[in-house]
N, C-alpha and C. Protein backbone atom coordinates (compact mmCIF):
# COMPACT_ATOMS: atom_id res chain seq x y z
N MET A 1 5.87 -7.97 -26.89
CA MET A 1 6.37 -7.34 -25.49
C MET A 1 7.84 -7.43 -25.95
N ARG A 2 8.42 -5.87 -25.47
CA ARG A 2 9.61 -5.78 -25.70
C ARG A 2 10.58 -5.99 -24.43
N THR A 3 11.84 -6.20 -24.35
CA THR A 3 12.62 -6.63 -23.26
C THR A 3 13.01 -5.36 -22.66
N SER A 4 12.75 -5.41 -21.23
CA SER A 4 13.12 -4.38 -20.72
C SER A 4 14.59 -4.32 -20.09
N SER A 5 15.00 -3.22 -20.31
CA SER A 5 16.19 -2.88 -20.08
C SER A 5 16.88 -2.37 -18.57
N TYR A 6 15.71 -2.62 -17.51
CA TYR A 6 15.73 -2.06 -16.30
C TYR A 6 17.00 -3.02 -15.61
N SER A 7 17.47 -2.38 -14.90
CA SER A 7 18.24 -3.33 -13.87
C SER A 7 17.37 -3.53 -12.40
N THR A 8 16.84 -2.53 -11.72
CA THR A 8 16.37 -2.62 -10.82
C THR A 8 14.78 -2.73 -10.76
N PRO A 9 14.20 -3.55 -9.69
CA PRO A 9 12.72 -3.54 -9.77
C PRO A 9 11.96 -2.77 -9.89
N ILE A 10 10.71 -2.76 -10.43
CA ILE A 10 10.05 -1.49 -10.45
C ILE A 10 8.76 -2.24 -9.88
N VAL A 11 8.21 -1.44 -8.79
CA VAL A 11 6.79 -1.86 -8.03
C VAL A 11 6.13 -0.38 -7.80
N ILE A 12 4.93 -0.28 -8.09
CA ILE A 12 4.44 0.95 -7.82
C ILE A 12 2.99 0.11 -7.32
N VAL A 13 2.28 0.48 -6.06
CA VAL A 13 1.28 0.49 -5.59
C VAL A 13 0.46 1.55 -5.08
N GLY A 14 -0.90 1.26 -5.00
CA GLY A 14 -1.67 2.33 -4.41
C GLY A 14 -2.92 2.18 -4.75
N ASP A 15 -3.48 3.50 -4.22
CA ASP A 15 -5.05 3.52 -4.64
C ASP A 15 -5.07 4.65 -5.90
N LEU A 16 -4.86 4.03 -6.98
CA LEU A 16 -4.89 4.88 -8.16
C LEU A 16 -6.18 5.83 -8.42
N ASN A 17 -7.44 5.29 -8.24
CA ASN A 17 -8.65 6.21 -8.49
C ASN A 17 -8.67 6.09 -9.97
N VAL A 18 -8.24 5.06 -10.40
CA VAL A 18 -8.76 4.69 -11.75
C VAL A 18 -9.27 3.26 -12.19
N HIS A 19 -10.60 3.19 -12.45
CA HIS A 19 -11.39 2.23 -13.02
C HIS A 19 -10.82 1.35 -13.52
N VAL A 20 -9.33 0.58 -13.14
CA VAL A 20 -8.87 -0.36 -14.22
C VAL A 20 -10.03 -1.29 -14.71
N ASP A 21 -11.27 -1.56 -13.92
CA ASP A 21 -11.96 -2.90 -14.32
C ASP A 21 -13.09 -2.55 -15.43
N ASP A 22 -13.01 -0.81 -15.61
CA ASP A 22 -14.09 -0.48 -16.88
C ASP A 22 -13.07 0.01 -17.99
N ALA A 23 -13.21 -0.91 -19.16
CA ALA A 23 -12.77 -0.68 -20.49
C ALA A 23 -13.05 0.30 -21.36
N THR A 24 -14.35 0.99 -20.64
CA THR A 24 -14.90 2.41 -21.50
C THR A 24 -14.27 3.43 -21.00
N ASP A 25 -13.79 3.19 -19.78
CA ASP A 25 -13.42 4.73 -18.73
C ASP A 25 -12.24 5.23 -19.86
N ASN A 26 -11.98 6.24 -19.94
CA ASN A 26 -10.97 7.03 -20.53
C ASN A 26 -9.90 6.60 -19.84
N SER A 27 -9.68 7.13 -18.62
CA SER A 27 -8.67 6.86 -17.34
C SER A 27 -7.62 5.63 -17.66
N SER A 28 -8.91 4.68 -17.62
CA SER A 28 -8.31 3.40 -17.36
C SER A 28 -7.55 3.14 -18.74
N THR A 29 -8.12 3.48 -19.97
CA THR A 29 -7.64 3.09 -21.37
C THR A 29 -6.34 3.96 -21.18
N LYS A 30 -6.02 5.12 -20.90
CA LYS A 30 -4.81 6.03 -20.54
C LYS A 30 -3.60 5.23 -20.22
N LEU A 31 -4.26 4.97 -18.66
CA LEU A 31 -3.06 3.80 -17.99
C LEU A 31 -2.91 2.84 -18.54
N ALA A 32 -3.97 2.09 -19.39
CA ALA A 32 -3.22 0.73 -19.68
C ALA A 32 -2.30 1.08 -20.92
N ASP A 33 -2.56 2.25 -21.58
CA ASP A 33 -1.13 2.38 -22.81
C ASP A 33 0.06 2.93 -21.98
N VAL A 34 -0.06 3.70 -20.97
CA VAL A 34 1.14 4.15 -20.79
C VAL A 34 1.94 2.71 -19.78
N LEU A 35 1.09 1.83 -19.35
CA LEU A 35 1.62 0.47 -18.93
C LEU A 35 2.43 -0.23 -19.86
N ALA A 36 1.37 -0.52 -20.81
CA ALA A 36 2.01 -1.10 -22.12
C ALA A 36 3.20 -0.63 -22.81
N ALA A 37 3.31 0.81 -22.86
CA ALA A 37 4.63 1.46 -23.38
C ALA A 37 5.90 1.72 -22.56
N HIS A 38 5.64 0.93 -21.00
CA HIS A 38 6.70 0.74 -20.32
C HIS A 38 7.27 -0.43 -20.12
N SER A 39 6.16 -1.53 -20.52
CA SER A 39 6.63 -2.87 -20.20
C SER A 39 6.08 -2.96 -18.86
N LEU A 40 4.96 -2.60 -18.83
CA LEU A 40 4.32 -2.70 -16.81
C LEU A 40 2.89 -3.15 -17.14
N VAL A 41 2.77 -4.15 -15.99
CA VAL A 41 1.71 -4.78 -15.94
C VAL A 41 0.97 -4.67 -14.63
N GLN A 42 -0.28 -4.25 -14.16
CA GLN A 42 -1.15 -4.11 -13.40
C GLN A 42 -1.62 -5.62 -13.01
N HIS A 43 -1.65 -6.09 -11.44
CA HIS A 43 -1.72 -7.49 -11.34
C HIS A 43 -3.03 -7.72 -10.99
N VAL A 44 -3.86 -6.75 -10.40
CA VAL A 44 -5.01 -6.97 -9.18
C VAL A 44 -6.19 -6.66 -10.43
N ASP A 45 -7.03 -7.99 -10.31
CA ASP A 45 -7.94 -7.96 -11.11
C ASP A 45 -9.10 -8.66 -10.76
N VAL A 46 -9.16 -8.20 -9.39
CA VAL A 46 -10.58 -8.34 -8.55
C VAL A 46 -11.05 -7.15 -8.16
N PRO A 47 -12.43 -6.72 -7.73
CA PRO A 47 -12.68 -5.42 -6.78
C PRO A 47 -12.09 -5.41 -5.65
N THR A 48 -11.61 -4.12 -5.53
CA THR A 48 -10.97 -3.67 -4.19
C THR A 48 -11.58 -2.64 -3.59
N HIS A 49 -12.66 -1.94 -3.95
CA HIS A 49 -13.29 -0.83 -3.55
C HIS A 49 -14.93 -1.77 -3.38
N SER A 50 -15.43 -0.83 -2.07
CA SER A 50 -16.92 -1.43 -1.60
C SER A 50 -17.54 -1.15 -2.82
N LEU A 51 -17.64 -0.31 -3.63
CA LEU A 51 -18.43 -0.16 -4.70
C LEU A 51 -18.16 -0.77 -5.92
N GLY A 52 -17.59 -1.91 -6.04
CA GLY A 52 -17.16 -2.84 -6.64
C GLY A 52 -15.98 -2.46 -7.98
N HIS A 53 -15.08 -1.66 -7.89
CA HIS A 53 -14.14 -1.21 -8.41
C HIS A 53 -12.85 -1.73 -8.40
N THR A 54 -12.08 -1.94 -8.96
CA THR A 54 -10.69 -2.32 -8.77
C THR A 54 -9.58 -0.94 -8.97
N LEU A 55 -9.43 -0.28 -7.70
CA LEU A 55 -8.87 0.85 -7.31
C LEU A 55 -7.58 0.80 -6.57
N ASP A 56 -7.34 -0.22 -6.21
CA ASP A 56 -5.57 -0.54 -5.36
C ASP A 56 -5.00 -1.26 -6.44
N LEU A 57 -3.92 -1.16 -6.90
CA LEU A 57 -3.27 -1.57 -7.86
C LEU A 57 -1.99 -2.12 -7.02
N ILE A 58 -1.17 -3.08 -7.95
CA ILE A 58 0.08 -3.57 -7.90
C ILE A 58 0.49 -3.40 -9.31
N ILE A 59 1.59 -2.71 -9.77
CA ILE A 59 2.41 -2.85 -11.10
C ILE A 59 3.78 -3.17 -10.80
N THR A 60 3.85 -3.94 -11.57
CA THR A 60 5.53 -4.11 -11.64
C THR A 60 5.59 -4.44 -13.36
N ARG A 61 7.03 -4.62 -13.56
CA ARG A 61 7.63 -5.04 -14.94
C ARG A 61 7.01 -6.24 -15.53
N PHE A 62 6.41 -6.08 -16.39
CA PHE A 62 6.27 -7.61 -17.02
C PHE A 62 7.04 -9.08 -16.70
N ASP A 63 8.19 -8.89 -16.26
CA ASP A 63 8.92 -9.97 -16.14
C ASP A 63 9.06 -10.17 -14.53
N SER A 64 8.53 -9.46 -13.81
CA SER A 64 8.61 -9.86 -12.33
C SER A 64 7.98 -10.71 -11.88
N ALA A 65 8.14 -11.76 -11.03
CA ALA A 65 7.70 -13.02 -10.21
C ALA A 65 6.42 -12.12 -9.44
N VAL A 66 5.14 -12.24 -9.35
CA VAL A 66 4.35 -11.56 -8.43
C VAL A 66 3.45 -12.99 -8.06
N THR A 67 3.01 -12.72 -6.80
CA THR A 67 2.23 -13.69 -6.32
C THR A 67 1.10 -13.23 -5.51
N LEU A 68 -0.03 -12.74 -6.12
CA LEU A 68 -1.33 -11.93 -5.44
C LEU A 68 -1.89 -12.82 -4.41
N LEU A 69 -2.03 -12.48 -3.26
CA LEU A 69 -2.47 -13.14 -2.18
C LEU A 69 -4.05 -12.99 -2.50
N PRO A 70 -4.93 -13.95 -2.08
CA PRO A 70 -6.55 -13.57 -1.94
C PRO A 70 -6.90 -12.38 -1.56
N VAL A 71 -7.22 -11.49 -2.33
CA VAL A 71 -8.07 -10.24 -1.61
C VAL A 71 -9.39 -10.47 -0.66
N ASP A 72 -9.39 -9.98 0.18
CA ASP A 72 -10.63 -9.87 1.18
C ASP A 72 -11.37 -8.88 0.71
N PRO A 73 -12.96 -8.86 0.98
CA PRO A 73 -13.71 -7.72 0.73
C PRO A 73 -13.36 -6.98 1.81
N PRO A 74 -13.67 -5.65 1.65
CA PRO A 74 -13.26 -4.22 2.44
C PRO A 74 -13.97 -4.69 3.71
N SER A 75 -13.48 -4.55 5.03
CA SER A 75 -14.28 -4.63 6.34
C SER A 75 -13.69 -3.31 7.12
N LEU A 76 -12.77 -3.26 7.25
CA LEU A 76 -12.57 -1.97 7.82
C LEU A 76 -12.22 -0.28 7.33
N SER A 77 -12.28 -0.52 6.06
CA SER A 77 -12.56 1.11 5.49
C SER A 77 -13.38 0.71 3.85
N ASP A 78 -13.48 1.22 3.19
CA ASP A 78 -14.20 0.99 2.07
C ASP A 78 -13.13 0.29 1.02
N HIS A 79 -11.95 0.40 1.29
CA HIS A 79 -10.66 -0.63 0.39
C HIS A 79 -10.62 -1.82 1.28
N SER A 80 -10.26 -2.55 0.35
CA SER A 80 -9.59 -3.95 0.48
C SER A 80 -8.25 -3.77 0.78
N PHE A 81 -7.64 -4.75 1.74
CA PHE A 81 -6.05 -4.89 2.17
C PHE A 81 -5.61 -5.96 1.32
N VAL A 82 -4.85 -5.26 0.32
CA VAL A 82 -4.02 -6.33 -0.89
C VAL A 82 -2.50 -6.37 -0.82
N VAL A 83 -2.44 -7.91 -0.65
CA VAL A 83 -1.09 -8.23 -0.16
C VAL A 83 -0.53 -9.11 -1.29
N VAL A 84 0.75 -8.96 -1.47
CA VAL A 84 1.15 -9.31 -2.63
C VAL A 84 2.55 -9.48 -2.21
N ASP A 85 3.35 -10.79 -2.75
CA ASP A 85 4.61 -11.31 -2.63
C ASP A 85 5.39 -11.07 -4.09
N ILE A 86 6.24 -10.17 -4.01
CA ILE A 86 6.74 -10.04 -5.08
C ILE A 86 8.60 -10.46 -4.75
N ASP A 87 9.40 -11.17 -6.34
CA ASP A 87 10.62 -11.33 -6.00
C ASP A 87 11.14 -10.03 -6.39
N CYS A 88 11.76 -9.62 -5.24
CA CYS A 88 12.71 -8.15 -5.88
C CYS A 88 13.73 -9.06 -5.39
N GLN A 89 14.89 -8.90 -6.64
CA GLN A 89 16.48 -9.18 -6.57
C GLN A 89 16.90 -8.22 -5.61
N PRO A 90 17.99 -8.53 -4.91
CA PRO A 90 18.64 -7.59 -4.10
C PRO A 90 19.62 -6.69 -5.34
N LEU A 91 19.94 -5.52 -5.10
CA LEU A 91 20.75 -4.39 -5.75
C LEU A 91 21.90 -4.36 -5.51
N GLY A 92 23.03 -5.32 -5.21
CA GLY A 92 23.97 -5.23 -5.09
C GLY A 92 24.22 -5.51 -3.23
N ASN A 93 25.44 -4.89 -3.10
CA ASN A 93 25.64 -4.87 -1.63
C ASN A 93 25.57 -3.42 -1.12
N LEU A 94 24.12 -3.05 -0.67
CA LEU A 94 23.42 -2.00 -0.06
C LEU A 94 23.52 -2.22 1.41
N PRO A 95 23.96 -0.68 1.67
CA PRO A 95 24.55 -0.86 3.29
C PRO A 95 22.87 -1.17 4.19
N THR A 96 23.01 -1.79 4.98
CA THR A 96 21.57 -2.04 5.89
C THR A 96 21.50 -1.57 7.13
N ASP A 97 20.11 -0.94 7.45
CA ASP A 97 19.80 -0.10 8.73
C ASP A 97 18.84 -1.20 9.60
N LEU A 98 18.54 -0.98 10.71
CA LEU A 98 17.70 -1.54 11.35
C LEU A 98 16.13 -0.55 11.22
N ARG A 99 15.09 -1.46 11.03
CA ARG A 99 14.14 -0.38 10.77
C ARG A 99 13.24 -1.58 11.84
N VAL A 100 11.93 -0.63 12.29
CA VAL A 100 11.08 -1.15 13.08
C VAL A 100 9.66 -1.00 12.32
N VAL A 101 9.25 -2.42 12.04
CA VAL A 101 7.90 -3.02 11.51
C VAL A 101 7.11 -3.61 11.97
N ARG A 102 5.91 -3.80 11.51
CA ARG A 102 4.84 -4.47 11.89
C ARG A 102 4.74 -5.63 10.74
N ASN A 103 4.39 -6.72 11.16
CA ASN A 103 3.67 -7.78 10.15
C ASN A 103 2.55 -7.61 9.78
N TRP A 104 2.13 -7.02 8.48
CA TRP A 104 0.64 -7.04 8.56
C TRP A 104 -0.41 -7.95 8.19
N ARG A 105 0.70 -9.24 7.50
CA ARG A 105 -0.19 -10.13 6.97
C ARG A 105 -0.41 -10.76 8.09
N SER A 106 -0.06 -10.47 9.49
CA SER A 106 -0.41 -11.31 10.81
C SER A 106 -1.70 -10.81 11.07
N ILE A 107 -2.12 -9.81 10.80
CA ILE A 107 -3.40 -9.50 11.69
C ILE A 107 -4.28 -10.09 10.98
N ASP A 108 -5.23 -11.08 12.11
CA ASP A 108 -6.48 -11.33 11.82
C ASP A 108 -7.66 -10.48 11.83
N ILE A 109 -8.40 -10.33 10.79
CA ILE A 109 -9.11 -9.28 10.26
C ILE A 109 -10.32 -9.44 11.38
N GLU A 110 -10.78 -10.62 11.53
CA GLU A 110 -12.14 -10.82 12.17
C GLU A 110 -11.90 -10.20 13.59
N ALA A 111 -10.65 -10.94 13.98
CA ALA A 111 -10.22 -10.39 15.67
C ALA A 111 -10.27 -9.19 15.89
N LEU A 112 -9.27 -8.44 14.92
CA LEU A 112 -9.30 -7.00 15.23
C LEU A 112 -10.35 -6.45 14.94
N SER A 113 -11.59 -6.72 14.14
CA SER A 113 -12.53 -5.93 14.08
C SER A 113 -13.45 -6.26 15.52
N ARG A 114 -13.32 -7.33 15.55
CA ARG A 114 -14.05 -7.64 17.21
C ARG A 114 -13.71 -6.47 18.16
N ASP A 115 -12.14 -6.54 18.09
CA ASP A 115 -11.49 -5.90 19.54
C ASP A 115 -11.81 -4.84 19.08
N LEU A 116 -12.11 -4.14 17.92
CA LEU A 116 -12.52 -2.51 17.47
C LEU A 116 -14.00 -2.55 17.90
N SER A 117 -14.45 -3.45 17.80
CA SER A 117 -16.02 -2.94 18.20
C SER A 117 -16.25 -2.93 19.44
N ASN A 118 -15.51 -3.70 20.19
CA ASN A 118 -15.74 -3.51 21.69
C ASN A 118 -14.87 -2.80 22.30
N SER A 119 -14.25 -1.90 21.63
CA SER A 119 -13.38 -0.80 21.91
C SER A 119 -14.11 0.72 22.35
N THR A 120 -13.60 1.61 23.43
CA THR A 120 -13.97 2.74 24.23
C THR A 120 -14.20 3.28 23.03
N LEU A 121 -13.36 3.32 21.82
CA LEU A 121 -13.39 4.16 20.82
C LEU A 121 -15.18 4.02 19.83
N LEU A 122 -15.72 3.14 19.97
CA LEU A 122 -16.75 2.60 19.47
C LEU A 122 -18.01 2.48 20.51
N GLN A 123 -17.50 1.81 21.38
CA GLN A 123 -18.72 2.27 22.58
C GLN A 123 -19.15 3.19 23.18
N SER A 124 -17.92 3.89 23.54
CA SER A 124 -18.55 5.17 24.11
C SER A 124 -17.40 6.41 23.79
N THR A 125 -17.91 6.85 22.69
CA THR A 125 -16.78 7.70 22.09
C THR A 125 -17.10 9.18 22.89
N PRO A 126 -15.94 9.74 23.26
CA PRO A 126 -15.59 10.88 23.89
C PRO A 126 -16.51 11.57 22.96
N GLU A 127 -17.28 13.40 23.86
CA GLU A 127 -17.78 14.08 23.07
C GLU A 127 -16.87 14.95 22.57
N SER A 128 -15.96 15.53 23.21
CA SER A 128 -15.09 16.14 22.81
C SER A 128 -14.38 15.83 21.36
N ALA A 129 -14.00 16.92 20.29
CA ALA A 129 -13.13 16.15 19.37
C ALA A 129 -11.88 16.10 19.93
N ASP A 130 -10.87 16.87 20.62
CA ASP A 130 -9.69 16.67 21.20
C ASP A 130 -9.78 14.99 21.79
N ALA A 131 -10.80 15.09 23.01
CA ALA A 131 -10.90 13.61 23.36
C ALA A 131 -11.05 12.51 22.51
N ALA A 132 -11.57 12.65 21.62
CA ALA A 132 -12.36 11.50 20.70
C ALA A 132 -10.73 11.56 19.61
N PHE A 133 -10.10 12.37 19.30
CA PHE A 133 -8.92 12.22 18.59
C PHE A 133 -7.85 11.25 19.42
N LEU A 134 -7.89 11.79 20.46
CA LEU A 134 -6.88 10.98 21.59
C LEU A 134 -7.28 9.67 21.42
N CYS A 135 -8.53 9.22 22.29
CA CYS A 135 -8.96 8.09 22.02
C CYS A 135 -8.78 7.51 20.53
N TYR A 136 -9.15 8.00 19.81
CA TYR A 136 -8.71 6.89 18.26
C TYR A 136 -7.44 6.82 18.04
N ASP A 137 -6.65 7.52 18.39
CA ASP A 137 -5.07 7.60 18.43
C ASP A 137 -4.61 6.10 19.38
N SER A 138 -5.29 6.35 20.48
CA SER A 138 -4.61 5.53 21.76
C SER A 138 -5.11 4.06 21.13
N THR A 139 -6.72 4.05 20.76
CA THR A 139 -7.12 2.76 20.48
C THR A 139 -6.76 1.74 19.36
N LEU A 140 -6.14 2.84 18.48
CA LEU A 140 -5.66 2.01 17.11
C LEU A 140 -4.50 1.51 17.45
N ARG A 141 -3.63 2.20 17.92
CA ARG A 141 -2.36 2.22 18.38
C ARG A 141 -2.15 0.86 19.45
N SER A 142 -3.08 0.87 20.25
CA SER A 142 -3.20 -0.08 21.14
C SER A 142 -3.59 -1.51 20.59
N LEU A 143 -4.31 -1.43 19.48
CA LEU A 143 -5.19 -2.68 18.57
C LEU A 143 -3.68 -3.15 18.11
N LEU A 144 -3.22 -1.98 16.95
CA LEU A 144 -1.95 -2.31 16.40
C LEU A 144 -1.06 -3.34 17.02
N ASP A 145 -0.63 -2.53 17.98
CA ASP A 145 0.63 -3.53 19.13
C ASP A 145 0.05 -4.91 19.45
N GLN A 146 -1.23 -5.19 19.69
CA GLN A 146 -1.62 -6.08 20.33
C GLN A 146 -1.64 -7.18 18.79
N HIS A 147 -2.23 -6.63 17.73
CA HIS A 147 -2.41 -7.79 16.63
C HIS A 147 -1.21 -7.78 15.39
N ALA A 148 -0.43 -6.63 15.40
CA ALA A 148 0.86 -6.99 14.59
C ALA A 148 1.75 -6.00 15.40
N PRO A 149 2.47 -6.76 16.48
CA PRO A 149 3.44 -5.71 17.34
C PRO A 149 4.74 -5.56 16.30
N LEU A 150 5.21 -4.37 17.02
CA LEU A 150 6.39 -3.97 15.95
C LEU A 150 7.72 -5.09 16.72
N THR A 151 8.46 -5.03 15.10
CA THR A 151 9.74 -5.98 15.31
C THR A 151 10.86 -5.01 14.72
N THR A 152 11.92 -5.35 15.15
CA THR A 152 13.03 -4.81 14.50
C THR A 152 13.71 -5.36 13.85
N ARG A 153 13.86 -5.26 12.12
CA ARG A 153 14.11 -6.19 11.10
C ARG A 153 15.75 -5.46 10.20
N ARG A 154 16.57 -5.84 10.14
CA ARG A 154 17.51 -5.41 9.28
C ARG A 154 16.89 -5.20 7.66
N VAL A 155 17.14 -3.99 7.11
CA VAL A 155 16.74 -4.03 5.53
C VAL A 155 17.90 -3.17 4.84
N SER A 156 17.95 -3.27 3.74
CA SER A 156 18.77 -3.04 2.85
C SER A 156 18.81 -1.15 2.62
N ARG A 157 19.55 -0.08 2.76
CA ARG A 157 19.54 1.20 2.20
C ARG A 157 19.56 1.81 0.98
N GLN A 158 18.17 1.99 0.84
CA GLN A 158 18.43 2.36 -0.56
C GLN A 158 18.86 3.74 -1.05
N SER A 159 19.63 4.01 -2.39
CA SER A 159 20.23 5.43 -2.41
C SER A 159 18.99 5.87 -3.00
N THR A 160 19.15 7.47 -2.76
CA THR A 160 18.54 8.46 -3.67
C THR A 160 18.46 8.00 -4.99
N ALA A 161 17.46 8.52 -5.71
CA ALA A 161 17.17 8.01 -7.09
C ALA A 161 17.81 9.80 -8.03
N ARG A 162 18.63 9.54 -9.07
CA ARG A 162 19.61 10.67 -9.70
C ARG A 162 18.39 11.46 -9.81
N TRP A 163 16.84 11.17 -10.30
CA TRP A 163 16.38 12.36 -10.58
C TRP A 163 15.44 12.94 -9.38
N PHE A 164 15.75 12.51 -8.05
CA PHE A 164 15.22 13.17 -7.08
C PHE A 164 16.26 14.19 -6.92
N ASP A 165 15.56 15.27 -7.27
CA ASP A 165 16.80 16.24 -7.07
C ASP A 165 16.10 17.81 -6.06
N GLU A 166 16.43 18.46 -5.79
CA GLU A 166 15.93 19.80 -4.54
C GLU A 166 14.74 19.81 -4.91
N GLU A 167 14.67 20.05 -6.66
CA GLU A 167 13.06 20.58 -6.94
C GLU A 167 12.24 19.45 -6.40
N CYS A 168 12.47 18.26 -6.71
CA CYS A 168 11.56 17.13 -6.29
C CYS A 168 11.43 17.18 -4.89
N ARG A 169 12.33 17.18 -3.82
CA ARG A 169 12.22 17.55 -2.65
C ARG A 169 11.29 18.83 -2.34
N LYS A 170 11.31 19.72 -2.58
CA LYS A 170 10.95 20.88 -2.44
C LYS A 170 8.96 20.54 -2.93
N MET A 171 9.17 20.01 -4.02
CA MET A 171 7.46 19.85 -4.23
C MET A 171 6.92 18.65 -2.99
N LYS A 172 7.99 18.10 -3.08
CA LYS A 172 7.18 16.57 -1.84
C LYS A 172 6.79 17.23 -0.54
N ARG A 173 7.64 18.26 -0.15
CA ARG A 173 7.06 19.31 0.68
C ARG A 173 6.15 19.78 0.73
N THR A 174 6.10 20.29 -0.28
CA THR A 174 4.87 21.31 -0.56
C THR A 174 3.34 20.59 -0.54
N THR A 175 3.67 19.76 -0.74
CA THR A 175 2.49 18.38 -1.61
C THR A 175 2.08 18.11 0.09
N ARG A 176 2.90 17.91 1.00
CA ARG A 176 2.57 16.83 1.95
C ARG A 176 2.22 17.92 2.96
N ALA A 177 2.47 19.52 2.97
CA ALA A 177 2.09 20.09 3.49
C ALA A 177 0.66 20.51 3.62
N SER A 178 -0.12 20.39 1.99
CA SER A 178 -1.26 21.04 1.97
C SER A 178 -2.30 20.23 2.33
């Protein structure tokens, strides 16, 4: 394995829709080759989707200190909630901002599932689409406020990457609008 020349942490997370658990899958093989070429490692090695595949990935440099916490089977959606501790070194003296965040790890999934099952959203869903959307929004916000209340934290402000130019910003806006 070659030594990395990066000075900043690299963390890629998300639902990549590549069956990394299937060595015969062409996309999986290509992804593994790209990761190896850039000294990156995919850490999730258990199924994260209700159909048994590993789709939700945590990718870091090979030398990153990563602790993957136990992955529970899917319960509220068809994907598992993957939680990981990654030791990311600070990037120097970056300016800080106050951000309002939720502590997702504090959620008791069984209690949240029970409260959702007993909610108006599931017990007597409104018939009109507009009322159903309003009920969905208010129910989920209320449950999140109860199970993972908002807190204010001081976080480092990241500077924009040099490659993220006007063309990238335009493409991002176009993609989000579709």
